Amino acid sequence: MKGHDWINTCLPDELIVEIFRRLDSKPTRDAASLVCNRWLRLERLTRSSIRIGATGSPDLFVQLLASRFFNITAVHIDERLSISLPVQLGRRRENSSPSSSLKLHYVNKRIGSSSSSEENEFDSLCLSDNGLIALADGFPKLEKLKLIWCSNVTSFGLSSLASKCASLKSLDLQGCYVGDQGLAAVGQRCKQLEDLNLRFCEGLTDTGLVELALGVGKSLKSLGVAACAKITDISMEAVASHCGSLETLSLDSEFVHNQGVLAVAKGCPHLKSLKLQCINLTDDALKAVGVSCLSLELLALYSFQRFTDKGLRAIGNGCKKLKNLTLSDCYFLSDKGLEAIATGCKELTHLEVNGCHNIGTLGLDSVGKSCLHLSELALLYCQRIGDLGLLQVGKGCQFLQALHLVDCSSIGDEAMCGIATGCRNLKKLHIRRCYEVLHPCSCLIFYVKCYSVCVSSF
């Protein structure tokens, strides 16, 4: 009958909720929730995640969301987004985050002014412990929490959250100035924690991370630490002793030495992903990884001045499951090191060489001959790699799907034609500032041989 609401009359709440769960896009669900009050109420029951940017009153905003959504398991709060302010911000420093620039401006204002109104106004723009407590009260089923640059959150708020969200499995505290007490509380309360990110958590020391490792060592699988000046080898030794199931470690530190990484390599044999940017590590650390971490699939080495080919040779000899390798600004690595990887790690699918100036044509030639499953290759600022290396890749790596070339001055048209002829599965080609690639036929041949390739910045 026209004008009669057959859906709301006939369908029970449970069936409408199930229909909402099967909608595959957020805009579709948003539109459906606007049909009537009943649909709005039921659609809120199906929401499992929310994402919050910078807002004028984040604490109140969190309380409002908590009163409307009852089954949230994932919350992402990111305060790096720019917001409107009644004052004019100065020029931001290059590579600084929006939030840090914003907060630095206010710090400067505080120094030159005795007015407390600006301090209160600034504090209201950032999530505080009150907001974190409201989040814990409103979302007790929380499993995944990201707090990005929420610098007003302290150990008190984190401890309160840990006491009420025992099901927490993933915690990202990037840029949060929490202390050891808060992290220790997470270790004591959140026994299911698997993923922890501590990038730019300057308030932490070894005490907090050691306590956390003691509490959640059996469940922790992923750990990221960067720019935490007071976290040293002591923390890494605790991780090695208690986190035997660790699979992913990302470590960026000037205060971690061979001792800490050696301990992790021996104590975490199930390690699959390892990213290191630690200037004080030497070949001994990589040798330990090659001997003990036989399940390693991803290795990324950034800005190492003390690694040599001996370290890569150990990886090639031991890590036979390695699939993804990134070498960035490792100046003492040469063709011999890359050859050891190529001949030892034949399952390699992704390779990035960035600014390693002693790696040249012979190293890439070995990759082309041995790494037949290579699907993505990135050569950035590799001045010594010439046409012959890419020609061998074209001959041997038939499954190559993506090729990135940036500032490779010795690579020319001959290499491009070889790639086009041999790599028929190529789908993405990015070339920038490779000035020896000159002839128009180099571009045309890709469209003839690899009709599905997407060429950018040629």
Protein backbone atom coordinates (compact mmCIF):
# COMPACT_ATOMS: atom_id res chain seq x y z
CA MET A 1 0.00 0.00 0.00
CA LYS A 2 1.39 3.39 -0.99
CA GLY A 3 2.71 5.40 1.92
CA HIS A 4 2.92 2.39 4.26
CA ASP A 5 6.29 1.68 5.92
CA TRP A 6 6.57 -2.04 5.14
CA ILE A 7 10.25 -2.31 6.13
CA ASN A 8 9.98 -0.87 9.62
CA THR A 9 6.70 -2.70 10.22
CA CYS A 10 7.86 -6.15 9.15
CA LEU A 11 11.60 -6.34 9.78
CA PRO A 12 12.96 -6.84 13.32
CA ASP A 13 15.93 -4.86 14.63
CA GLU A 14 18.29 -7.80 14.28
CA LEU A 15 17.68 -8.16 10.54
CA ILE A 16 18.10 -4.44 9.82
CA VAL A 17 21.35 -4.43 11.81
CA GLU A 18 22.60 -7.37 9.74
CA ILE A 19 21.75 -5.50 6.52
CA PHE A 20 23.72 -2.46 7.74
CA ARG A 21 26.71 -4.66 8.49
CA ARG A 22 26.73 -5.87 4.90
CA LEU A 23 26.86 -2.39 3.38
CA ASP A 24 30.35 -2.06 1.91
CA SER A 25 30.97 1.69 2.10
CA LYS A 26 30.75 4.36 4.77
CA PRO A 27 28.89 6.89 2.54
CA THR A 28 26.19 4.28 1.88
CA ARG A 29 25.79 3.58 5.59
CA ASP A 30 25.74 7.29 6.38
CA ALA A 31 22.98 7.82 3.83
CA ALA A 32 20.95 4.89 5.15
CA SER A 33 21.20 6.17 8.72
CA LEU A 34 19.42 9.38 7.66
CA VAL A 35 16.24 7.60 6.56
CA CYS A 36 14.59 7.66 9.99
CA ASN A 37 15.37 7.72 13.71
CA ARG A 38 15.13 3.95 14.01
CA TRP A 39 17.66 3.38 11.25
CA LEU A 40 19.96 5.97 12.77
CA ARG A 41 19.84 4.19 16.12
CA LEU A 42 20.39 0.74 14.61
CA GLU A 43 23.16 1.86 12.28
CA ARG A 44 25.10 3.23 15.25
CA LEU A 45 25.06 -0.26 16.76
CA THR A 46 26.98 -1.61 13.75
CA ARG A 47 29.82 0.91 13.88
CA SER A 48 33.05 -0.67 15.12
CA SER A 49 35.55 2.13 14.45
CA ILE A 50 35.73 5.92 14.58
CA ARG A 51 38.37 8.38 13.43
CA ILE A 52 38.76 11.81 15.07
CA GLY A 53 40.88 14.68 13.83
CA ALA A 54 41.77 17.93 15.57
CA THR A 55 38.64 19.54 17.05
CA GLY A 56 37.88 22.62 19.12
CA SER A 57 36.92 20.62 22.23
CA PRO A 58 38.17 17.05 21.84
CA ASP A 59 37.24 15.95 25.37
CA LEU A 60 33.60 16.94 24.86
CA PHE A 61 33.63 15.45 21.40
CA VAL A 62 34.79 12.08 22.73
CA GLN A 63 32.05 12.15 25.38
CA LEU A 64 29.45 12.89 22.70
CA LEU A 65 30.62 10.00 20.52
CA ALA A 66 30.70 7.63 23.47
CA SER A 67 27.07 8.42 24.25
CA ARG A 68 25.97 7.51 20.70
CA PHE A 69 28.12 4.57 19.61
CA PHE A 70 28.14 1.50 21.83
CA ASN A 71 30.08 -1.21 19.99
CA ILE A 72 33.26 0.64 19.05
CA THR A 73 36.41 -1.49 19.12
CA ALA A 74 38.83 0.83 17.24
CA VAL A 75 39.51 4.54 17.83
CA HIS A 76 41.97 6.70 15.89
CA ILE A 77 42.65 10.22 17.23
CA ASP A 78 45.10 12.35 15.22
CA GLU A 79 45.84 15.90 16.40
CA ARG A 80 48.27 16.72 13.60
CA LEU A 81 45.50 18.14 11.45
CA SER A 82 45.46 21.95 11.21
CA ILE A 83 42.63 23.81 12.94
CA SER A 84 41.38 27.40 12.99
CA LEU A 85 42.92 29.63 15.63
CA PRO A 86 42.36 33.27 16.59
CA VAL A 87 46.08 34.03 16.18
CA GLN A 88 48.38 33.88 13.18
CA LEU A 89 50.89 31.10 13.15
CA GLY A 90 54.47 31.70 12.17
CA ARG A 91 56.25 29.83 9.41
CA ARG A 92 56.59 26.14 10.16
CA ARG A 93 59.88 24.45 10.24
CA GLU A 94 60.47 22.01 7.40
CA ASN A 95 59.61 18.40 8.29
CA SER A 96 57.86 19.43 11.50
CA SER A 97 54.38 18.15 12.21
CA PRO A 98 51.44 20.58 12.15
CA SER A 99 50.71 19.92 15.79
CA SER A 100 54.27 20.56 16.90
CA SER A 101 54.35 23.85 15.03
CA LEU A 102 51.02 24.82 16.55
CA LYS A 103 52.12 23.95 20.05
CA LEU A 104 55.52 25.61 19.67
CA HIS A 105 53.75 28.83 18.72
CA TYR A 106 51.68 28.69 21.88
CA VAL A 107 54.71 27.93 24.03
CA ASN A 108 56.37 31.06 22.68
CA LYS A 109 53.23 33.06 23.41
CA ARG A 110 53.19 31.82 26.99
CA ILE A 111 56.74 32.95 27.60
CA GLY A 112 55.97 36.52 26.55
CA SER A 113 52.54 36.84 28.15
CA SER A 114 51.22 36.45 31.66
CA SER A 115 47.66 35.87 30.49
CA SER A 116 46.24 32.46 31.41
CA SER A 117 43.38 32.68 28.91
CA GLU A 118 45.64 31.63 26.04
CA GLU A 119 46.89 28.65 28.02
CA ASN A 120 43.35 27.49 28.72
CA GLU A 121 42.40 28.03 25.11
CA PHE A 122 45.37 25.97 23.92
CA ASP A 123 44.68 23.15 26.39
CA SER A 124 41.09 22.92 25.19
CA LEU A 125 42.32 22.19 21.68
CA CYS A 126 44.11 18.98 22.73
CA LEU A 127 42.82 15.70 24.08
CA SER A 128 43.50 15.51 27.81
CA ASP A 129 43.30 12.82 30.47
CA ASN A 130 39.61 13.66 30.95
CA GLY A 131 38.94 12.82 27.32
CA LEU A 132 40.90 9.59 27.62
CA ILE A 133 38.91 8.63 30.70
CA ALA A 134 35.66 9.38 28.84
CA LEU A 135 36.89 7.22 25.98
CA ALA A 136 37.61 4.34 28.36
CA ASP A 137 34.21 4.69 30.03
CA GLY A 138 32.34 4.90 26.72
CA PHE A 139 34.20 2.17 24.81
CA PRO A 140 35.00 -0.67 27.24
CA LYS A 141 35.26 -3.12 24.30
CA LEU A 142 38.17 -1.16 22.82
CA GLU A 143 40.75 -3.32 21.05
CA LYS A 144 42.66 -0.82 18.92
CA LEU A 145 43.64 2.73 19.94
CA LYS A 146 45.76 5.28 18.10
CA LEU A 147 46.69 8.53 19.83
CA ILE A 148 48.76 10.55 17.37
CA TRP A 149 50.48 13.65 18.82
CA CYS A 150 48.09 13.88 21.74
CA SER A 151 50.72 15.58 23.89
CA ASN A 152 48.38 16.56 26.75
CA VAL A 153 47.69 12.92 27.64
CA THR A 154 49.69 11.74 30.65
CA SER A 155 50.30 8.54 32.57
CA PHE A 156 47.20 9.17 34.66
CA GLY A 157 44.90 9.05 31.66
CA LEU A 158 46.68 6.05 30.17
CA SER A 159 46.47 4.18 33.48
CA SER A 160 42.76 4.91 33.71
CA LEU A 161 42.22 3.61 30.20
CA ALA A 162 44.25 0.46 30.86
CA SER A 163 42.16 -0.33 33.94
CA LYS A 164 38.92 -0.32 31.94
CA CYS A 165 39.99 -1.58 28.50
CA ALA A 166 41.50 -4.95 29.29
CA SER A 167 40.79 -6.20 25.75
CA LEU A 168 43.22 -3.73 24.16
CA LYS A 169 45.31 -5.42 21.47
CA SER A 170 46.87 -2.51 19.58
CA LEU A 171 48.15 0.76 21.05
CA ASP A 172 49.82 3.60 19.12
CA LEU A 173 51.20 6.44 21.27
CA GLN A 174 53.12 8.34 18.61
CA GLY A 175 54.10 11.78 19.89
CA CYS A 176 52.38 11.34 23.27
CA TYR A 177 54.31 12.51 26.32
CA VAL A 178 53.25 9.66 28.58
CA GLY A 179 55.51 8.39 31.33
CA ASP A 180 56.65 5.07 32.70
CA GLN A 181 53.69 4.66 35.08
CA GLY A 182 51.17 4.71 32.26
CA LEU A 183 53.09 2.18 30.17
CA ALA A 184 53.57 -0.06 33.19
CA ALA A 185 49.80 0.06 33.83
CA VAL A 186 49.19 -1.10 30.25
CA GLY A 187 51.54 -4.02 30.88
CA GLN A 188 49.73 -4.95 34.07
CA ARG A 189 46.16 -4.65 32.78
CA CYS A 190 46.14 -5.28 29.01
CA LYS A 191 47.30 -8.87 28.82
CA GLN A 192 46.15 -9.28 25.20
CA LEU A 193 48.32 -6.46 23.80
CA GLU A 194 49.96 -7.49 20.54
CA ASP A 195 50.97 -4.26 18.82
CA LEU A 196 52.70 -1.25 20.44
CA ASN A 197 54.09 1.89 18.80
CA LEU A 198 56.24 4.24 20.89
CA ARG A 199 57.53 6.67 18.27
CA PHE A 200 58.52 10.06 19.71
CA CYS A 201 57.43 9.20 23.25
CA GLU A 202 60.11 11.31 24.88
CA GLY A 203 58.81 10.85 28.43
CA LEU A 204 59.54 7.12 28.53
CA THR A 205 62.59 5.43 30.01
CA ASP A 206 63.79 1.85 30.29
CA THR A 207 61.71 1.44 33.45
CA GLY A 208 58.40 1.73 31.60
CA LEU A 209 59.29 -0.54 28.70
CA VAL A 210 60.79 -3.18 30.97
CA GLU A 211 57.60 -3.23 33.07
CA LEU A 212 55.49 -3.55 29.93
CA ALA A 213 57.61 -6.44 28.62
CA LEU A 214 57.16 -8.22 31.94
CA GLY A 215 53.39 -7.82 31.72
CA VAL A 216 52.55 -8.54 28.08
CA GLY A 217 55.62 -10.44 26.93
CA LYS A 218 53.65 -13.54 26.02
CA SER A 219 51.25 -11.68 23.71
CA LEU A 220 53.37 -8.87 22.21
CA LYS A 221 54.09 -9.42 18.51
CA SER A 222 54.95 -5.96 17.18
CA LEU A 223 57.01 -3.14 18.73
CA GLY A 224 58.08 0.22 17.34
CA VAL A 225 60.49 2.57 19.13
CA ALA A 226 61.86 5.84 17.73
CA ALA A 227 63.36 9.02 19.17
CA CYS A 228 63.08 7.82 22.75
CA ALA A 229 66.40 9.02 24.15
CA LYS A 230 66.05 7.22 27.48
CA ILE A 231 65.30 3.79 26.03
CA THR A 232 68.53 1.82 25.74
CA ASP A 233 69.91 -1.71 25.48
CA ILE A 234 68.32 -2.49 28.86
CA SER A 235 64.86 -2.32 27.28
CA MET A 236 65.89 -4.44 24.31
CA GLU A 237 67.28 -7.10 26.64
CA ALA A 238 63.98 -7.16 28.54
CA VAL A 239 62.09 -7.53 25.25
CA ALA A 240 64.40 -10.39 24.30
CA SER A 241 63.88 -12.13 27.64
CA HIS A 242 60.10 -11.87 27.84
CA CYS A 243 58.72 -11.35 24.29
CA GLY A 244 59.59 -14.60 22.63
CA SER A 245 56.67 -14.31 20.19
CA LEU A 246 57.80 -10.93 18.78
CA GLU A 247 57.46 -10.88 14.99
CA THR A 248 57.95 -7.21 14.09
CA LEU A 249 60.52 -4.73 15.44
CA SER A 250 61.09 -1.17 14.22
CA LEU A 251 63.95 0.55 16.03
CA ASP A 252 65.25 4.09 15.43
CA SER A 253 67.68 5.06 18.16
CA GLU A 254 71.11 6.54 18.81
CA PHE A 255 71.22 4.88 22.21
CA VAL A 256 70.81 1.23 21.26
CA HIS A 257 74.01 -0.66 20.51
CA ASN A 258 74.98 -4.15 19.43
CA GLN A 259 74.19 -5.53 22.88
CA GLY A 260 70.46 -4.80 22.58
CA VAL A 261 70.00 -6.07 19.03
CA LEU A 262 72.09 -9.17 19.71
CA ALA A 263 69.79 -9.98 22.61
CA VAL A 264 66.65 -9.51 20.49
CA ALA A 265 68.03 -11.66 17.68
CA LYS A 266 68.74 -14.53 20.07
CA GLY A 267 65.61 -14.13 22.20
CA CYS A 268 63.07 -13.54 19.40
CA PRO A 269 63.65 -16.31 16.85
CA HIS A 270 60.22 -15.79 15.25
CA LEU A 271 61.09 -12.29 14.04
CA LYS A 272 59.69 -11.71 10.54
CA SER A 273 60.10 -7.95 10.07
CA LEU A 274 63.08 -5.87 11.21
CA LYS A 275 63.60 -2.16 10.53
CA LEU A 276 66.74 -0.57 11.94
CA GLN A 277 68.04 2.99 12.02
CA CYS A 278 70.68 2.81 14.73
CA ILE A 279 73.98 4.49 13.97
CA ASN A 280 75.90 2.58 16.66
CA LEU A 281 75.23 -0.91 15.28
CA THR A 282 77.94 -2.85 13.47
CA ASP A 283 78.18 -6.02 11.42
CA ASP A 284 78.00 -8.10 14.60
CA ALA A 285 74.32 -7.19 14.97
CA LEU A 286 73.48 -8.31 11.43
CA LYS A 287 75.49 -11.49 11.88
CA ALA A 288 73.36 -12.38 14.90
CA VAL A 289 70.19 -11.72 12.89
CA GLY A 290 71.46 -13.94 10.08
CA VAL A 291 72.25 -16.78 12.47
CA SER A 292 69.15 -16.65 14.70
CA CYS A 293 66.26 -15.04 12.77
CA LEU A 294 65.71 -17.68 10.13
CA SER A 295 62.06 -16.65 9.61
CA LEU A 296 62.94 -13.08 8.64
CA GLU A 297 60.92 -11.88 5.63
CA LEU A 298 61.46 -8.09 5.71
CA LEU A 299 64.68 -6.21 6.46
CA ALA A 300 65.14 -2.44 6.21
CA LEU A 301 68.44 -0.75 7.03
CA TYR A 302 68.59 3.05 7.14
CA SER A 303 71.56 5.42 7.40
CA PHE A 304 74.18 2.95 8.56
CA GLN A 305 77.80 4.08 8.51
CA ARG A 306 79.27 0.99 10.18
CA PHE A 307 77.67 -1.89 8.28
CA THR A 308 79.74 -3.57 5.57
CA ASP A 309 79.28 -6.46 3.17
CA LYS A 310 80.06 -8.89 6.02
CA GLY A 311 76.70 -8.13 7.61
CA LEU A 312 74.75 -8.62 4.38
CA ARG A 313 76.65 -11.82 3.71
CA ALA A 314 75.40 -13.20 7.03
CA ILE A 315 71.82 -12.28 6.08
CA GLY A 316 72.21 -14.00 2.72
CA ASN A 317 73.58 -17.13 4.35
CA GLY A 318 70.90 -17.42 7.02
CA CYS A 319 67.67 -15.63 6.09
CA LYS A 320 66.50 -17.78 3.19
CA LYS A 321 62.88 -16.59 3.56
CA LEU A 322 63.73 -12.91 3.03
CA LYS A 323 61.29 -11.32 0.57
CA ASN A 324 61.60 -7.58 1.14
CA LEU A 325 64.90 -5.68 1.46
CA THR A 326 65.49 -1.92 1.80
CA LEU A 327 69.00 -0.46 1.85
CA SER A 328 69.02 3.30 2.39
CA ASP A 329 72.13 5.48 2.77
CA CYS A 330 74.35 2.55 3.73
CA TYR A 331 77.56 3.89 2.27
CA PHE A 332 79.87 0.96 2.97
CA LEU A 333 77.77 -1.67 1.23
CA SER A 334 78.99 -2.70 -2.21
CA ASP A 335 78.17 -5.06 -5.05
CA LYS A 336 79.53 -7.98 -3.04
CA GLY A 337 76.96 -7.48 -0.30
CA LEU A 338 74.06 -7.27 -2.75
CA GLU A 339 75.39 -10.33 -4.57
CA ALA A 340 75.37 -12.27 -1.28
CA ILE A 341 71.71 -11.32 -0.77
CA ALA A 342 70.77 -12.23 -4.34
CA THR A 343 72.41 -15.66 -4.30
CA GLY A 344 71.25 -16.50 -0.77
CA CYS A 345 67.74 -15.00 -0.69
CA LYS A 346 66.21 -16.23 -3.94
CA GLU A 347 62.65 -15.64 -2.70
CA LEU A 348 63.22 -11.87 -2.79
CA THR A 349 60.22 -10.03 -4.27
CA HIS A 350 60.81 -6.38 -3.26
CA LEU A 351 64.15 -4.56 -3.40
CA GLU A 352 64.90 -0.89 -2.74
CA VAL A 353 68.40 0.56 -3.01
CA ASN A 354 68.49 4.22 -2.00
CA GLY A 355 71.64 6.31 -1.92
CA CYS A 356 74.05 3.39 -1.48
CA HIS A 357 76.75 4.89 -3.66
CA ASN A 358 79.07 1.87 -3.74
CA ILE A 359 76.44 -0.46 -5.16
CA GLY A 360 76.66 -0.58 -8.95
CA THR A 361 75.94 -2.58 -12.06
CA LEU A 362 77.47 -5.87 -10.88
CA GLY A 363 75.26 -5.99 -7.78
CA LEU A 364 72.07 -5.47 -9.78
CA ASP A 365 73.28 -7.99 -12.35
CA SER A 366 73.37 -10.62 -9.58
CA VAL A 367 69.80 -9.73 -8.61
CA GLY A 368 68.66 -10.20 -12.20
CA LYS A 369 70.30 -13.61 -12.42
CA SER A 370 69.19 -15.02 -9.04
CA CYS A 371 66.00 -13.26 -7.85
CA LEU A 372 63.57 -14.60 -10.42
CA HIS A 373 60.51 -13.80 -8.29
CA LEU A 374 61.26 -10.07 -8.03
CA SER A 375 58.04 -8.06 -8.43
CA GLU A 376 59.11 -4.54 -7.38
CA LEU A 377 62.44 -2.77 -7.82
CA ALA A 378 63.32 0.76 -6.68
CA LEU A 379 66.68 2.33 -7.53
CA LEU A 380 67.06 5.80 -6.02
CA TYR A 381 70.19 7.94 -6.35
CA CYS A 382 72.19 5.01 -7.69
CA GLN A 383 74.75 6.71 -9.89
CA ARG A 384 76.90 3.62 -10.48
CA ILE A 385 74.20 1.32 -11.81
CA GLY A 386 74.27 1.20 -15.60
CA ASP A 387 72.31 -0.34 -18.44
CA LEU A 388 73.80 -3.83 -18.12
CA GLY A 389 72.32 -4.30 -14.65
CA LEU A 390 68.77 -3.47 -15.75
CA LEU A 391 69.21 -5.52 -18.92
CA GLN A 392 69.87 -8.57 -16.73
CA VAL A 393 66.77 -7.73 -14.66
CA GLY A 394 64.80 -7.63 -17.91
CA LYS A 395 66.09 -11.07 -18.84
CA GLY A 396 65.64 -12.78 -15.48
CA CYS A 397 62.83 -11.05 -13.61
CA GLN A 398 59.82 -11.82 -15.77
CA PHE A 399 57.38 -11.22 -12.88
CA LEU A 400 58.48 -7.63 -12.29
CA GLN A 401 55.40 -5.42 -11.88
CA ALA A 402 56.78 -2.10 -10.62
CA LEU A 403 60.00 -0.22 -11.41
CA HIS A 404 61.04 3.07 -9.79
CA LEU A 405 64.10 4.95 -11.07
CA VAL A 406 65.14 8.27 -9.53
CA ASP A 407 68.42 10.10 -10.21
CA CYS A 408 70.10 7.14 -11.88
CA SER A 409 72.32 9.05 -14.28
CA SER A 410 73.95 6.00 -15.89
CA ILE A 411 70.72 4.29 -16.97
CA GLY A 412 69.62 4.97 -20.54
CA ASP A 413 67.41 3.90 -23.41
CA GLU A 414 69.00 0.47 -23.86
CA ALA A 415 68.06 -0.56 -20.32
CA MET A 416 64.48 0.66 -20.77
CA CYS A 417 64.07 -1.29 -23.96
CA GLY A 418 65.41 -4.40 -22.22
CA ILE A 419 62.91 -4.03 -19.38
CA ALA A 420 60.04 -3.54 -21.81
CA THR A 421 61.03 -6.60 -23.80
CA GLY A 422 61.54 -8.97 -20.86
CA CYS A 423 59.14 -7.77 -18.16
CA ARG A 424 55.76 -8.25 -19.83
CA ASN A 425 53.96 -8.16 -16.46
CA LEU A 426 55.12 -4.62 -15.69
CA LYS A 427 52.25 -2.42 -14.50
CA LYS A 428 53.97 0.62 -13.04
CA LEU A 429 57.01 2.55 -14.25
CA HIS A 430 58.20 5.71 -12.53
CA ILE A 431 61.23 7.56 -13.91
CA ARG A 432 62.53 10.87 -12.58
CA ARG A 433 65.74 12.74 -13.37
CA CYS A 434 67.28 9.88 -15.40
CA TYR A 435 68.62 12.13 -18.10
CA GLU A 436 70.16 9.38 -20.26
CA VAL A 437 66.66 8.09 -21.03
CA LEU A 438 66.15 10.36 -24.01
CA HIS A 439 64.73 8.61 -27.05
CA PRO A 440 60.92 8.66 -27.57
CA CYS A 441 61.03 5.03 -28.63
CA SER A 442 61.88 4.08 -25.04
CA CYS A 443 58.46 5.28 -24.03
CA LEU A 444 56.65 3.93 -27.07
CA ILE A 445 58.04 0.43 -26.66
CA PHE A 446 56.42 0.14 -23.23
CA TYR A 447 53.02 0.75 -24.72
CA VAL A 448 53.70 -1.84 -27.43
CA LYS A 449 55.30 -4.54 -25.27
CA CYS A 450 53.63 -3.81 -21.91
CA TYR A 451 50.23 -2.45 -22.86
CA SER A 452 48.99 -2.31 -19.25
CA VAL A 453 51.93 -0.32 -17.84
CA CYS A 454 51.32 3.06 -16.17
CA VAL A 455 54.21 5.41 -16.99
CA SER A 456 54.70 8.46 -14.74
CA SER A 457 57.18 11.36 -14.85
CA PHE A 458 58.90 10.04 -17.95
